[in-house]
Amino acid sequence: MIEKIRHRGLKRLYEDGDRSGLRPDVAGKAELYLSVLDTARTVQELDITGFGLHRLTGDHKGWFSVFVSRNHRIIFRFEDGKAFDVDLVDYH
């Protein structure tokens, strides 16, 4: 279950199905990831081929990331079956 979304465009997509706050090449995958993230009870349920799920280190230790596009990732914290601070970041 998603508890908190940081990124405004992701929040609008999740709450209203509004893709206007996201680039077209990101919106489709982001919608899929949010759907799976919302139903996942464990982080292992997100370890799906193509998602590229991995733990982050450094300043984001304790966070996870999934691949969206060449340089975009959705990052989040996952605790007790809930996703927090879901954000879309550009690594470029």
PDB file of N, CA and C in Angstrom:
ATOM      1  N   MET A   1       0.842  -1.175   0.000  1.00  0.00           N
ATOM      2  CA  MET A   1       0.000   0.000   0.000  1.00  0.00           C
ATOM      3  C   MET A   1       0.891   1.243   0.000  1.00  0.00           C
ATOM      4  N   ILE A   2       0.537   2.200  -0.816  1.00  0.00           N
ATOM      5  CA  ILE A   2       1.286   3.449  -0.878  1.00  0.00           C
ATOM      6  C   ILE A   2       0.729   4.405   0.174  1.00  0.00           C
ATOM      7  N   GLU A   3       1.602   4.876   1.036  1.00  0.00           N
ATOM      8  CA  GLU A   3       1.223   5.807   2.093  1.00  0.00           C
ATOM      9  C   GLU A   3       1.508   7.259   1.729  1.00  0.00           C
ATOM     10  N   LYS A   4       2.645   7.509   1.062  1.00  0.00           N
ATOM     11  CA  LYS A   4       3.018   8.896   0.765  1.00  0.00           C
ATOM     12  C   LYS A   4       3.784   8.965  -0.549  1.00  0.00           C
ATOM     13  N   ILE A   5       3.368   9.901  -1.410  1.00  0.00           N
ATOM     14  CA  ILE A   5       4.039  10.140  -2.682  1.00  0.00           C
ATOM     15  C   ILE A   5       4.588  11.561  -2.662  1.00  0.00           C
ATOM     16  N   ARG A   6       5.859  11.701  -2.926  1.00  0.00           N
ATOM     17  CA  ARG A   6       6.518  13.018  -2.936  1.00  0.00           C
ATOM     18  C   ARG A   6       6.332  13.762  -4.250  1.00  0.00           C
ATOM     19  N   HIS A   7       6.468  13.053  -5.364  1.00  0.00           N
ATOM     20  CA  HIS A   7       6.445  13.669  -6.697  1.00  0.00           C
ATOM     21  C   HIS A   7       5.007  14.050  -7.074  1.00  0.00           C
ATOM     22  N   ARG A   8       4.797  15.321  -7.411  1.00  0.00           N
ATOM     23  CA  ARG A   8       3.451  15.808  -7.724  1.00  0.00           C
ATOM     24  C   ARG A   8       2.799  15.077  -8.900  1.00  0.00           C
ATOM     25  N   GLY A   9       3.584  14.841  -9.958  1.00  0.00           N
ATOM     26  CA  GLY A   9       3.050  14.157 -11.129  1.00  0.00           C
ATOM     27  C   GLY A   9       2.653  12.723 -10.820  1.00  0.00           C
ATOM     28  N   LEU A  10       3.481  12.022 -10.035  1.00  0.00           N
ATOM     29  CA  LEU A  10       3.142  10.649  -9.628  1.00  0.00           C
ATOM     30  C   LEU A  10       1.888  10.640  -8.753  1.00  0.00           C
ATOM     31  N   LYS A  11       1.788  11.635  -7.885  1.00  0.00           N
ATOM     32  CA  LYS A  11       0.624  11.709  -6.993  1.00  0.00           C
ATOM     33  C   LYS A  11      -0.663  11.895  -7.794  1.00  0.00           C
ATOM     34  N   ARG A  12      -0.634  12.790  -8.788  1.00  0.00           N
ATOM     35  CA  ARG A  12      -1.825  13.001  -9.634  1.00  0.00           C
ATOM     36  C   ARG A  12      -2.167  11.739 -10.425  1.00  0.00           C
ATOM     37  N   LEU A  13      -1.141  11.046 -10.910  1.00  0.00           N
ATOM     38  CA  LEU A  13      -1.363   9.806 -11.651  1.00  0.00           C
ATOM     39  C   LEU A  13      -2.005   8.761 -10.747  1.00  0.00           C
ATOM     40  N   TYR A  14      -1.492   8.608  -9.552  1.00  0.00           N
ATOM     41  CA  TYR A  14      -1.984   7.618  -8.594  1.00  0.00           C
ATOM     42  C   TYR A  14      -3.409   7.933  -8.132  1.00  0.00           C
ATOM     43  N   GLU A  15      -3.667   9.187  -7.807  1.00  0.00           N
ATOM     44  CA  GLU A  15      -4.965   9.560  -7.249  1.00  0.00           C
ATOM     45  C   GLU A  15      -6.052   9.772  -8.292  1.00  0.00           C
ATOM     46  N   ASP A  16      -5.689  10.329  -9.454  1.00  0.00           N
ATOM     47  CA  ASP A  16      -6.693  10.728 -10.441  1.00  0.00           C
ATOM     48  C   ASP A  16      -6.525  10.110 -11.822  1.00  0.00           C
ATOM     49  N   GLY A  17      -5.444   9.355 -12.035  1.00  0.00           N
ATOM     50  CA  GLY A  17      -5.183   8.816 -13.364  1.00  0.00           C
ATOM     51  C   GLY A  17      -4.727   9.887 -14.343  1.00  0.00           C
ATOM     52  N   ASP A  18      -4.310  11.052 -13.830  1.00  0.00           N
ATOM     53  CA  ASP A  18      -3.899  12.193 -14.647  1.00  0.00           C
ATOM     54  C   ASP A  18      -2.418  12.066 -15.001  1.00  0.00           C
ATOM     55  N   ARG A  19      -2.118  11.861 -16.267  1.00  0.00           N
ATOM     56  CA  ARG A  19      -0.742  11.681 -16.734  1.00  0.00           C
ATOM     57  C   ARG A  19      -0.063  12.998 -17.115  1.00  0.00           C
ATOM     58  N   SER A  20      -0.763  14.105 -17.047  1.00  0.00           N
ATOM     59  CA  SER A  20      -0.243  15.373 -17.561  1.00  0.00           C
ATOM     60  C   SER A  20       1.015  15.862 -16.839  1.00  0.00           C
ATOM     61  N   GLY A  21       1.274  15.420 -15.635  1.00  0.00           N
ATOM     62  CA  GLY A  21       2.448  15.858 -14.895  1.00  0.00           C
ATOM     63  C   GLY A  21       3.691  15.030 -15.163  1.00  0.00           C
ATOM     64  N   LEU A  22       3.589  14.094 -16.111  1.00  0.00           N
ATOM     65  CA  LEU A  22       4.710  13.199 -16.413  1.00  0.00           C
ATOM     66  C   LEU A  22       4.994  13.188 -17.907  1.00  0.00           C
ATOM     67  N   ARG A  23       6.240  12.943 -18.254  1.00  0.00           N
ATOM     68  CA  ARG A  23       6.589  12.783 -19.661  1.00  0.00           C
ATOM     69  C   ARG A  23       5.874  11.550 -20.214  1.00  0.00           C
ATOM     70  N   PRO A  24       5.453  11.589 -21.466  1.00  0.00           N
ATOM     71  CA  PRO A  24       4.734  10.454 -22.058  1.00  0.00           C
ATOM     72  C   PRO A  24       5.520   9.139 -22.009  1.00  0.00           C
ATOM     73  N   ASP A  25       6.845   9.210 -22.157  1.00  0.00           N
ATOM     74  CA  ASP A  25       7.649   7.992 -22.151  1.00  0.00           C
ATOM     75  C   ASP A  25       7.825   7.422 -20.747  1.00  0.00           C
ATOM     76  N   VAL A  26       7.423   8.144 -19.726  1.00  0.00           N
ATOM     77  CA  VAL A  26       7.544   7.712 -18.334  1.00  0.00           C
ATOM     78  C   VAL A  26       6.188   7.299 -17.757  1.00  0.00           C
ATOM     79  N   ALA A  27       5.127   7.925 -18.206  1.00  0.00           N
ATOM     80  CA  ALA A  27       3.803   7.762 -17.602  1.00  0.00           C
ATOM     81  C   ALA A  27       3.300   6.316 -17.584  1.00  0.00           C
ATOM     82  N   GLY A  28       3.440   5.590 -18.679  1.00  0.00           N
ATOM     83  CA  GLY A  28       2.928   4.216 -18.749  1.00  0.00           C
ATOM     84  C   GLY A  28       3.593   3.291 -17.749  1.00  0.00           C
ATOM     85  N   LYS A  29       4.919   3.316 -17.709  1.00  0.00           N
ATOM     86  CA  LYS A  29       5.635   2.472 -16.751  1.00  0.00           C
ATOM     87  C   LYS A  29       5.365   2.919 -15.325  1.00  0.00           C
ATOM     88  N   ALA A  30       5.319   4.219 -15.105  1.00  0.00           N
ATOM     89  CA  ALA A  30       5.056   4.730 -13.763  1.00  0.00           C
ATOM     90  C   ALA A  30       3.699   4.242 -13.268  1.00  0.00           C
ATOM     91  N   GLU A  31       2.706   4.239 -14.136  1.00  0.00           N
ATOM     92  CA  GLU A  31       1.373   3.771 -13.752  1.00  0.00           C
ATOM     93  C   GLU A  31       1.404   2.289 -13.355  1.00  0.00           C
ATOM     94  N   LEU A  32       2.120   1.485 -14.129  1.00  0.00           N
ATOM     95  CA  LEU A  32       2.264   0.063 -13.810  1.00  0.00           C
ATOM     96  C   LEU A  32       2.962  -0.118 -12.465  1.00  0.00           C
ATOM     97  N   TYR A  33       4.070   0.580 -12.256  1.00  0.00           N
ATOM     98  CA  TYR A  33       4.828   0.451 -11.010  1.00  0.00           C
ATOM     99  C   TYR A  33       4.007   0.879  -9.803  1.00  0.00           C
ATOM    100  N   LEU A  34       3.266   1.971  -9.930  1.00  0.00           N
ATOM    101  CA  LEU A  34       2.442   2.424  -8.812  1.00  0.00           C
ATOM    102  C   LEU A  34       1.372   1.390  -8.474  1.00  0.00           C
ATOM    103  N   SER A  35       0.808   0.771  -9.494  1.00  0.00           N
ATOM    104  CA  SER A  35      -0.205  -0.262  -9.274  1.00  0.00           C
ATOM    105  C   SER A  35       0.372  -1.458  -8.520  1.00  0.00           C
ATOM    106  N   VAL A  36       1.530  -1.920  -8.950  1.00  0.00           N
ATOM    107  CA  VAL A  36       2.176  -3.059  -8.291  1.00  0.00           C
ATOM    108  C   VAL A  36       2.631  -2.669  -6.884  1.00  0.00           C
ATOM    109  N   LEU A  37       3.188  -1.485  -6.752  1.00  0.00           N
ATOM    110  CA  LEU A  37       3.657  -1.010  -5.447  1.00  0.00           C
ATOM    111  C   LEU A  37       2.492  -0.894  -4.465  1.00  0.00           C
ATOM    112  N   ASP A  38       1.343  -0.478  -4.954  1.00  0.00           N
ATOM    113  CA  ASP A  38       0.170  -0.304  -4.098  1.00  0.00           C
ATOM    114  C   ASP A  38      -0.363  -1.628  -3.568  1.00  0.00           C
ATOM    115  N   THR A  39      -0.180  -2.705  -4.313  1.00  0.00           N
ATOM    116  CA  THR A  39      -0.706  -4.006  -3.879  1.00  0.00           C
ATOM    117  C   THR A  39       0.324  -4.891  -3.180  1.00  0.00           C
ATOM    118  N   ALA A  40       1.600  -4.521  -3.273  1.00  0.00           N
ATOM    119  CA  ALA A  40       2.664  -5.345  -2.684  1.00  0.00           C
ATOM    120  C   ALA A  40       2.610  -5.310  -1.160  1.00  0.00           C
ATOM    121  N   ARG A  41       2.798  -6.477  -0.568  1.00  0.00           N
ATOM    122  CA  ARG A  41       2.857  -6.562   0.894  1.00  0.00           C
ATOM    123  C   ARG A  41       4.294  -6.730   1.379  1.00  0.00           C
ATOM    124  N   THR A  42       5.177  -7.165   0.466  1.00  0.00           N
ATOM    125  CA  THR A  42       6.599  -7.287   0.771  1.00  0.00           C
ATOM    126  C   THR A  42       7.382  -6.695  -0.395  1.00  0.00           C
ATOM    127  N   VAL A  43       8.573  -6.251  -0.123  1.00  0.00           N
ATOM    128  CA  VAL A  43       9.393  -5.677  -1.188  1.00  0.00           C
ATOM    129  C   VAL A  43       9.778  -6.752  -2.201  1.00  0.00           C
ATOM    130  N   GLN A  44       9.829  -8.007  -1.793  1.00  0.00           N
ATOM    131  CA  GLN A  44      10.160  -9.101  -2.708  1.00  0.00           C
ATOM    132  C   GLN A  44       9.119  -9.238  -3.822  1.00  0.00           C
ATOM    133  N   GLU A  45       7.895  -8.832  -3.572  1.00  0.00           N
ATOM    134  CA  GLU A  45       6.857  -8.879  -4.598  1.00  0.00           C
ATOM    135  C   GLU A  45       7.148  -7.904  -5.741  1.00  0.00           C
ATOM    136  N   LEU A  46       8.053  -6.968  -5.512  1.00  0.00           N
ATOM    137  CA  LEU A  46       8.420  -5.994  -6.537  1.00  0.00           C
ATOM    138  C   LEU A  46       9.616  -6.448  -7.356  1.00  0.00           C
ATOM    139  N   ASP A  47      10.177  -7.579  -7.007  1.00  0.00           N
ATOM    140  CA  ASP A  47      11.352  -8.114  -7.716  1.00  0.00           C
ATOM    141  C   ASP A  47      10.883  -8.858  -8.963  1.00  0.00           C
ATOM    142  N   ILE A  48      10.408  -8.085  -9.925  1.00  0.00           N
ATOM    143  CA  ILE A  48       9.829  -8.596 -11.166  1.00  0.00           C
ATOM    144  C   ILE A  48      10.805  -8.304 -12.304  1.00  0.00           C
ATOM    145  N   THR A  49      10.968  -9.256 -13.202  1.00  0.00           N
ATOM    146  CA  THR A  49      11.851  -9.061 -14.350  1.00  0.00           C
ATOM    147  C   THR A  49      11.472  -7.772 -15.075  1.00  0.00           C
ATOM    148  N   GLY A  50      12.458  -6.937 -15.341  1.00  0.00           N
ATOM    149  CA  GLY A  50      12.239  -5.672 -16.022  1.00  0.00           C
ATOM    150  C   GLY A  50      12.106  -4.488 -15.081  1.00  0.00           C
ATOM    151  N   PHE A  51      11.781  -4.732 -13.824  1.00  0.00           N
ATOM    152  CA  PHE A  51      11.657  -3.636 -12.863  1.00  0.00           C
ATOM    153  C   PHE A  51      13.029  -3.141 -12.413  1.00  0.00           C
ATOM    154  N   GLY A  52      14.017  -4.030 -12.388  1.00  0.00           N
ATOM    155  CA  GLY A  52      15.355  -3.641 -11.951  1.00  0.00           C
ATOM    156  C   GLY A  52      15.389  -3.211 -10.494  1.00  0.00           C
ATOM    157  N   LEU A  53      14.588  -3.856  -9.674  1.00  0.00           N
ATOM    158  CA  LEU A  53      14.537  -3.512  -8.251  1.00  0.00           C
ATOM    159  C   LEU A  53      15.905  -3.680  -7.613  1.00  0.00           C
ATOM    160  N   HIS A  54      16.328  -2.654  -6.888  1.00  0.00           N
ATOM    161  CA  HIS A  54      17.571  -2.776  -6.127  1.00  0.00           C
ATOM    162  C   HIS A  54      17.557  -1.814  -4.943  1.00  0.00           C
ATOM    163  N   ARG A  55      18.351  -2.167  -3.930  1.00  0.00           N
ATOM    164  CA  ARG A  55      18.515  -1.319  -2.744  1.00  0.00           C
ATOM    165  C   ARG A  55      19.463  -0.175  -3.082  1.00  0.00           C
ATOM    166  N   LEU A  56      19.189   0.970  -2.493  1.00  0.00           N
ATOM    167  CA  LEU A  56      20.068   2.111  -2.667  1.00  0.00           C
ATOM    168  C   LEU A  56      21.037   2.194  -1.491  1.00  0.00           C
ATOM    169  N   THR A  57      22.120   2.909  -1.700  1.00  0.00           N
ATOM    170  CA  THR A  57      23.149   3.062  -0.671  1.00  0.00           C
ATOM    171  C   THR A  57      23.412   4.547  -0.455  1.00  0.00           C
ATOM    172  N   GLY A  58      24.360   4.843   0.381  1.00  0.00           N
ATOM    173  CA  GLY A  58      24.737   6.234   0.614  1.00  0.00           C
ATOM    174  C   GLY A  58      23.644   7.018   1.294  1.00  0.00           C
ATOM    175  N   ASP A  59      23.331   8.208   0.751  1.00  0.00           N
ATOM    176  CA  ASP A  59      22.320   9.086   1.337  1.00  0.00           C
ATOM    177  C   ASP A  59      20.922   8.463   1.334  1.00  0.00           C
ATOM    178  N   HIS A  60      20.699   7.499   0.463  1.00  0.00           N
ATOM    179  CA  HIS A  60      19.395   6.842   0.363  1.00  0.00           C
ATOM    180  C   HIS A  60      19.415   5.407   0.889  1.00  0.00           C
ATOM    181  N   LYS A  61      20.300   5.135   1.821  1.00  0.00           N
ATOM    182  CA  LYS A  61      20.351   3.801   2.426  1.00  0.00           C
ATOM    183  C   LYS A  61      18.986   3.486   3.038  1.00  0.00           C
ATOM    184  N   GLY A  62      18.497   2.283   2.783  1.00  0.00           N
ATOM    185  CA  GLY A  62      17.178   1.891   3.259  1.00  0.00           C
ATOM    186  C   GLY A  62      16.070   2.125   2.242  1.00  0.00           C
ATOM    187  N   TRP A  63      16.412   2.717   1.115  1.00  0.00           N
ATOM    188  CA  TRP A  63      15.461   2.982   0.039  1.00  0.00           C
ATOM    189  C   TRP A  63      15.641   1.928  -1.043  1.00  0.00           C
ATOM    190  N   PHE A  64      14.640   1.836  -1.920  1.00  0.00           N
ATOM    191  CA  PHE A  64      14.676   0.940  -3.066  1.00  0.00           C
ATOM    192  C   PHE A  64      14.430   1.750  -4.330  1.00  0.00           C
ATOM    193  N   SER A  65      14.808   1.175  -5.467  1.00  0.00           N
ATOM    194  CA  SER A  65      14.647   1.840  -6.742  1.00  0.00           C
ATOM    195  C   SER A  65      14.171   0.836  -7.786  1.00  0.00           C
ATOM    196  N   VAL A  66      13.334   1.319  -8.721  1.00  0.00           N
ATOM    197  CA  VAL A  66      12.944   0.530  -9.892  1.00  0.00           C
ATOM    198  C   VAL A  66      13.214   1.374 -11.135  1.00  0.00           C
ATOM    199  N   PHE A  67      13.540   0.712 -12.223  1.00  0.00           N
ATOM    200  CA  PHE A  67      13.892   1.328 -13.498  1.00  0.00           C
ATOM    201  C   PHE A  67      12.632   1.789 -14.228  1.00  0.00           C
ATOM    202  N   VAL A  68      12.626   3.052 -14.670  1.00  0.00           N
ATOM    203  CA  VAL A  68      11.504   3.573 -15.449  1.00  0.00           C
ATOM    204  C   VAL A  68      11.929   3.824 -16.892  1.00  0.00           C
ATOM    205  N   SER A  69      13.013   4.542 -17.062  1.00  0.00           N
ATOM    206  CA  SER A  69      13.538   4.819 -18.402  1.00  0.00           C
ATOM    207  C   SER A  69      15.053   4.925 -18.300  1.00  0.00           C
ATOM    208  N   ARG A  70      15.668   5.309 -19.375  1.00  0.00           N
ATOM    209  CA  ARG A  70      17.123   5.371 -19.425  1.00  0.00           C
ATOM    210  C   ARG A  70      17.738   6.048 -18.192  1.00  0.00           C
ATOM    211  N   ASN A  71      17.192   7.188 -17.798  1.00  0.00           N
ATOM    212  CA  ASN A  71      17.758   7.869 -16.641  1.00  0.00           C
ATOM    213  C   ASN A  71      16.737   8.222 -15.558  1.00  0.00           C
ATOM    214  N   HIS A  72      15.544   7.671 -15.631  1.00  0.00           N
ATOM    215  CA  HIS A  72      14.525   7.919 -14.602  1.00  0.00           C
ATOM    216  C   HIS A  72      14.296   6.667 -13.755  1.00  0.00           C
ATOM    217  N   ARG A  73      14.169   6.900 -12.459  1.00  0.00           N
ATOM    218  CA  ARG A  73      13.893   5.818 -11.511  1.00  0.00           C
ATOM    219  C   ARG A  73      12.784   6.259 -10.566  1.00  0.00           C
ATOM    220  N   ILE A  74      12.001   5.303 -10.104  1.00  0.00           N
ATOM    221  CA  ILE A  74      11.087   5.550  -8.998  1.00  0.00           C
ATOM    222  C   ILE A  74      11.777   4.999  -7.766  1.00  0.00           C
ATOM    223  N   ILE A  75      11.920   5.858  -6.754  1.00  0.00           N
ATOM    224  CA  ILE A  75      12.556   5.430  -5.510  1.00  0.00           C
ATOM    225  C   ILE A  75      11.528   5.504  -4.392  1.00  0.00           C
ATOM    226  N   PHE A  76      11.727   4.681  -3.369  1.00  0.00           N
ATOM    227  CA  PHE A  76      10.764   4.631  -2.272  1.00  0.00           C
ATOM    228  C   PHE A  76      11.369   3.904  -1.082  1.00  0.00           C
ATOM    229  N   ARG A  77      10.767   4.111   0.070  1.00  0.00           N
ATOM    230  CA  ARG A  77      11.066   3.328   1.266  1.00  0.00           C
ATOM    231  C   ARG A  77       9.919   2.341   1.431  1.00  0.00           C
ATOM    232  N   PHE A  78      10.203   1.168   1.966  1.00  0.00           N
ATOM    233  CA  PHE A  78       9.168   0.145   2.139  1.00  0.00           C
ATOM    234  C   PHE A  78       9.299  -0.425   3.543  1.00  0.00           C
ATOM    235  N   GLU A  79       8.260  -0.235   4.356  1.00  0.00           N
ATOM    236  CA  GLU A  79       8.263  -0.704   5.738  1.00  0.00           C
ATOM    237  C   GLU A  79       6.888  -1.250   6.102  1.00  0.00           C
ATOM    238  N   ASP A  80       6.867  -2.399   6.738  1.00  0.00           N
ATOM    239  CA  ASP A  80       5.621  -2.998   7.232  1.00  0.00           C
ATOM    240  C   ASP A  80       4.523  -3.071   6.177  1.00  0.00           C
ATOM    241  N   GLY A  81       4.909  -3.434   4.950  1.00  0.00           N
ATOM    242  CA  GLY A  81       3.930  -3.591   3.882  1.00  0.00           C
ATOM    243  C   GLY A  81       3.432  -2.292   3.282  1.00  0.00           C
ATOM    244  N   LYS A  82       4.112  -1.183   3.561  1.00  0.00           N
ATOM    245  CA  LYS A  82       3.691   0.125   3.054  1.00  0.00           C
ATOM    246  C   LYS A  82       4.856   0.846   2.394  1.00  0.00           C
ATOM    247  N   ALA A  83       4.543   1.569   1.315  1.00  0.00           N
ATOM    248  CA  ALA A  83       5.538   2.357   0.600  1.00  0.00           C
ATOM    249  C   ALA A  83       5.421   3.819   1.018  1.00  0.00           C
ATOM    250  N   PHE A  84       6.570   4.422   1.293  1.00  0.00           N
ATOM    251  CA  PHE A  84       6.617   5.810   1.729  1.00  0.00           C
ATOM    252  C   PHE A  84       7.543   6.609   0.826  1.00  0.00           C
ATOM    253  N   ASP A  85       7.296   7.911   0.745  1.00  0.00           N
ATOM    254  CA  ASP A  85       8.180   8.846   0.052  1.00  0.00           C
ATOM    255  C   ASP A  85       8.476   8.426  -1.385  1.00  0.00           C
ATOM    256  N   VAL A  86       7.457   7.945  -2.081  1.00  0.00           N
ATOM    257  CA  VAL A  86       7.608   7.519  -3.477  1.00  0.00           C
ATOM    258  C   VAL A  86       7.952   8.755  -4.311  1.00  0.00           C
ATOM    259  N   ASP A  87       9.023   8.648  -5.084  1.00  0.00           N
ATOM    260  CA  ASP A  87       9.504   9.803  -5.836  1.00  0.00           C
ATOM    261  C   ASP A  87      10.024   9.352  -7.197  1.00  0.00           C
ATOM    262  N   LEU A  88       9.951  10.255  -8.157  1.00  0.00           N
ATOM    263  CA  LEU A  88      10.520  10.016  -9.485  1.00  0.00           C
ATOM    264  C   LEU A  88      11.763  10.877  -9.591  1.00  0.00           C
ATOM    265  N   VAL A  89      12.899  10.246  -9.860  1.00  0.00           N
ATOM    266  CA  VAL A  89      14.155  10.994  -9.930  1.00  0.00           C
ATOM    267  C   VAL A  89      14.814  10.784 -11.280  1.00  0.00           C
ATOM    268  N   ASP A  90      15.537  11.810 -11.695  1.00  0.00           N
ATOM    269  CA  ASP A  90      16.278  11.793 -12.950  1.00  0.00           C
ATOM    270  C   ASP A  90      17.762  11.704 -12.581  1.00  0.00           C
ATOM    271  N   TYR A  91      18.389  10.594 -12.929  1.00  0.00           N
ATOM    272  CA  TYR A  91      19.782  10.372 -12.575  1.00  0.00           C
ATOM    273  C   TYR A  91      20.754  11.018 -13.562  1.00  0.00           C
ATOM    274  N   HIS A  92      20.256  11.749 -14.546  1.00  0.00           N
ATOM    275  CA  HIS A  92      21.132  12.349 -15.551  1.00  0.00           C
ATOM    276  C   HIS A  92      21.709  13.661 -15.063  1.00  0.00           C
TER     277      HIS A  92
END
